[in-house]
Amino acid sequence: MTHMIVETLYDPPASDDEIDANATKLDPCLQGHDVRWLRSYMSLDRRRRICIFEAPDADSVRVSYRSAGVKFERVWPAEEIRDDE
């Protein structure tokens, strides 16, 4: 599986309720496309978010987000770079 990065922008800044509602809608779609969430990073001003997934390809992630009706800016594959490699 490849790491996929999802970038999301929020205007106005995201609330916890909005994040939770999107996760609830998105989870079944991700599972249906063999996409596994790994972690997320939210900017301190809550206007930008990056989520990292394991997925077969970027289209699996895009289709999941679109099926759930959750907005995103872009999805792209990434290679993890670690100190110990």
C-alpha atoms as a PDB file:
ATOM      1  CA  MET A   1       0.000   0.000   0.000  1.00  0.00           C
ATOM      2  CA  THR A   2       1.106   3.514  -0.747  1.00  0.00           C
ATOM      3  CA  HIS A   3       0.892   6.545   1.519  1.00  0.00           C
ATOM      4  CA  MET A   4      -1.598   9.148   0.277  1.00  0.00           C
ATOM      5  CA  ILE A   5      -1.729  12.736   1.462  1.00  0.00           C
ATOM      6  CA  VAL A   6      -5.050  14.601   1.523  1.00  0.00           C
ATOM      7  CA  GLU A   7      -4.970  18.377   1.823  1.00  0.00           C
ATOM      8  CA  THR A   8      -8.078  20.198   3.059  1.00  0.00           C
ATOM      9  CA  LEU A   9      -8.737  23.932   3.492  1.00  0.00           C
ATOM     10  CA  TYR A  10     -11.380  25.387   5.813  1.00  0.00           C
ATOM     11  CA  ASP A  11     -12.945  28.846   5.591  1.00  0.00           C
ATOM     12  CA  PRO A  12     -14.147  29.554   8.218  1.00  0.00           C
ATOM     13  CA  PRO A  13     -11.831  27.544  10.480  1.00  0.00           C
ATOM     14  CA  ALA A  14     -12.935  23.962  11.168  1.00  0.00           C
ATOM     15  CA  SER A  15     -14.819  23.160  14.351  1.00  0.00           C
ATOM     16  CA  ASP A  16     -14.514  19.876  16.228  1.00  0.00           C
ATOM     17  CA  ASP A  17     -18.137  19.128  15.321  1.00  0.00           C
ATOM     18  CA  GLU A  18     -17.385  19.597  11.600  1.00  0.00           C
ATOM     19  CA  ILE A  19     -14.334  17.322  11.782  1.00  0.00           C
ATOM     20  CA  ASP A  20     -16.307  14.647  13.650  1.00  0.00           C
ATOM     21  CA  ALA A  21     -19.254  14.823  11.219  1.00  0.00           C
ATOM     22  CA  ASN A  22     -16.942  14.461   8.216  1.00  0.00           C
ATOM     23  CA  ALA A  23     -15.175  11.484   9.811  1.00  0.00           C
ATOM     24  CA  THR A  24     -18.515   9.780  10.446  1.00  0.00           C
ATOM     25  CA  LYS A  25     -19.535  10.205   6.788  1.00  0.00           C
ATOM     26  CA  LEU A  26     -16.103   9.278   5.448  1.00  0.00           C
ATOM     27  CA  ASP A  27     -15.222   6.158   7.470  1.00  0.00           C
ATOM     28  CA  PRO A  28     -17.539   3.691   5.678  1.00  0.00           C
ATOM     29  CA  CYS A  29     -16.453   4.996   2.258  1.00  0.00           C
ATOM     30  CA  LEU A  30     -12.776   4.631   3.127  1.00  0.00           C
ATOM     31  CA  GLN A  31     -13.317   1.072   4.350  1.00  0.00           C
ATOM     32  CA  GLY A  32     -15.204   0.222   1.168  1.00  0.00           C
ATOM     33  CA  HIS A  33     -12.219   1.296  -0.943  1.00  0.00           C
ATOM     34  CA  ASP A  34      -9.518  -0.377   1.179  1.00  0.00           C
ATOM     35  CA  VAL A  35      -8.225   2.969   2.498  1.00  0.00           C
ATOM     36  CA  ARG A  36      -6.808   3.129   6.032  1.00  0.00           C
ATOM     37  CA  TRP A  37      -6.361   6.385   7.968  1.00  0.00           C
ATOM     38  CA  LEU A  38      -2.958   6.733   9.647  1.00  0.00           C
ATOM     39  CA  ARG A  39      -2.829  10.251  11.116  1.00  0.00           C
ATOM     40  CA  SER A  40      -3.843  13.867  10.616  1.00  0.00           C
ATOM     41  CA  TYR A  41      -2.297  17.261  11.251  1.00  0.00           C
ATOM     42  CA  MET A  42      -4.410  20.399  11.778  1.00  0.00           C
ATOM     43  CA  SER A  43      -2.907  23.855  11.500  1.00  0.00           C
ATOM     44  CA  LEU A  44      -3.077  25.900  14.679  1.00  0.00           C
ATOM     45  CA  ASP A  45      -5.493  28.355  13.045  1.00  0.00           C
ATOM     46  CA  ARG A  46      -7.709  25.350  12.051  1.00  0.00           C
ATOM     47  CA  ARG A  47      -7.793  26.473   8.400  1.00  0.00           C
ATOM     48  CA  ARG A  48      -5.623  23.695   6.942  1.00  0.00           C
ATOM     49  CA  ARG A  49      -5.457  19.976   7.516  1.00  0.00           C
ATOM     50  CA  ILE A  50      -3.337  17.160   6.150  1.00  0.00           C
ATOM     51  CA  CYS A  51      -4.421  13.552   6.511  1.00  0.00           C
ATOM     52  CA  ILE A  52      -2.213  10.569   5.783  1.00  0.00           C
ATOM     53  CA  PHE A  53      -3.720   7.313   4.560  1.00  0.00           C
ATOM     54  CA  GLU A  54      -2.584   3.948   3.270  1.00  0.00           C
ATOM     55  CA  ALA A  55      -4.424   3.190   0.052  1.00  0.00           C
ATOM     56  CA  PRO A  56      -4.101   1.240  -3.184  1.00  0.00           C
ATOM     57  CA  ASP A  57      -4.013   4.513  -5.164  1.00  0.00           C
ATOM     58  CA  ALA A  58      -5.009   8.188  -5.070  1.00  0.00           C
ATOM     59  CA  ASP A  59      -8.269   7.545  -6.915  1.00  0.00           C
ATOM     60  CA  SER A  60      -9.465   5.246  -4.115  1.00  0.00           C
ATOM     61  CA  VAL A  61      -9.097   8.150  -1.694  1.00  0.00           C
ATOM     62  CA  ARG A  62     -10.685  10.693  -4.046  1.00  0.00           C
ATOM     63  CA  VAL A  63     -13.666   8.435  -4.710  1.00  0.00           C
ATOM     64  CA  SER A  64     -14.103   7.861  -0.962  1.00  0.00           C
ATOM     65  CA  TYR A  65     -14.146  11.582  -0.209  1.00  0.00           C
ATOM     66  CA  ARG A  66     -16.506  12.362  -3.090  1.00  0.00           C
ATOM     67  CA  SER A  67     -18.865   9.512  -2.171  1.00  0.00           C
ATOM     68  CA  ALA A  68     -19.041  10.810   1.389  1.00  0.00           C
ATOM     69  CA  GLY A  69     -19.558  14.404   0.243  1.00  0.00           C
ATOM     70  CA  VAL A  70     -16.428  15.571   2.096  1.00  0.00           C
ATOM     71  CA  LYS A  71     -14.468  18.384   0.441  1.00  0.00           C
ATOM     72  CA  PHE A  72     -10.720  18.252  -0.172  1.00  0.00           C
ATOM     73  CA  GLU A  73      -8.181  20.256  -2.153  1.00  0.00           C
ATOM     74  CA  ARG A  74      -5.889  17.543  -3.473  1.00  0.00           C
ATOM     75  CA  VAL A  75      -4.730  13.969  -2.984  1.00  0.00           C
ATOM     76  CA  TRP A  76      -1.218  12.846  -3.832  1.00  0.00           C
ATOM     77  CA  PRO A  77       0.996   9.808  -3.253  1.00  0.00           C
ATOM     78  CA  ALA A  78       4.004  10.222  -0.972  1.00  0.00           C
ATOM     79  CA  GLU A  79       7.072   8.369   0.111  1.00  0.00           C
ATOM     80  CA  GLU A  80       7.808   8.299   3.832  1.00  0.00           C
ATOM     81  CA  ILE A  81      11.292   9.469   4.747  1.00  0.00           C
ATOM     82  CA  ARG A  82      12.533   8.325   8.136  1.00  0.00           C
ATOM     83  CA  ASP A  83      15.696   8.800  10.123  1.00  0.00           C
ATOM     84  CA  ASP A  84      16.251   5.075  10.584  1.00  0.00           C
ATOM     85  CA  GLU A  85      16.224   4.124   6.898  1.00  0.00           C
END
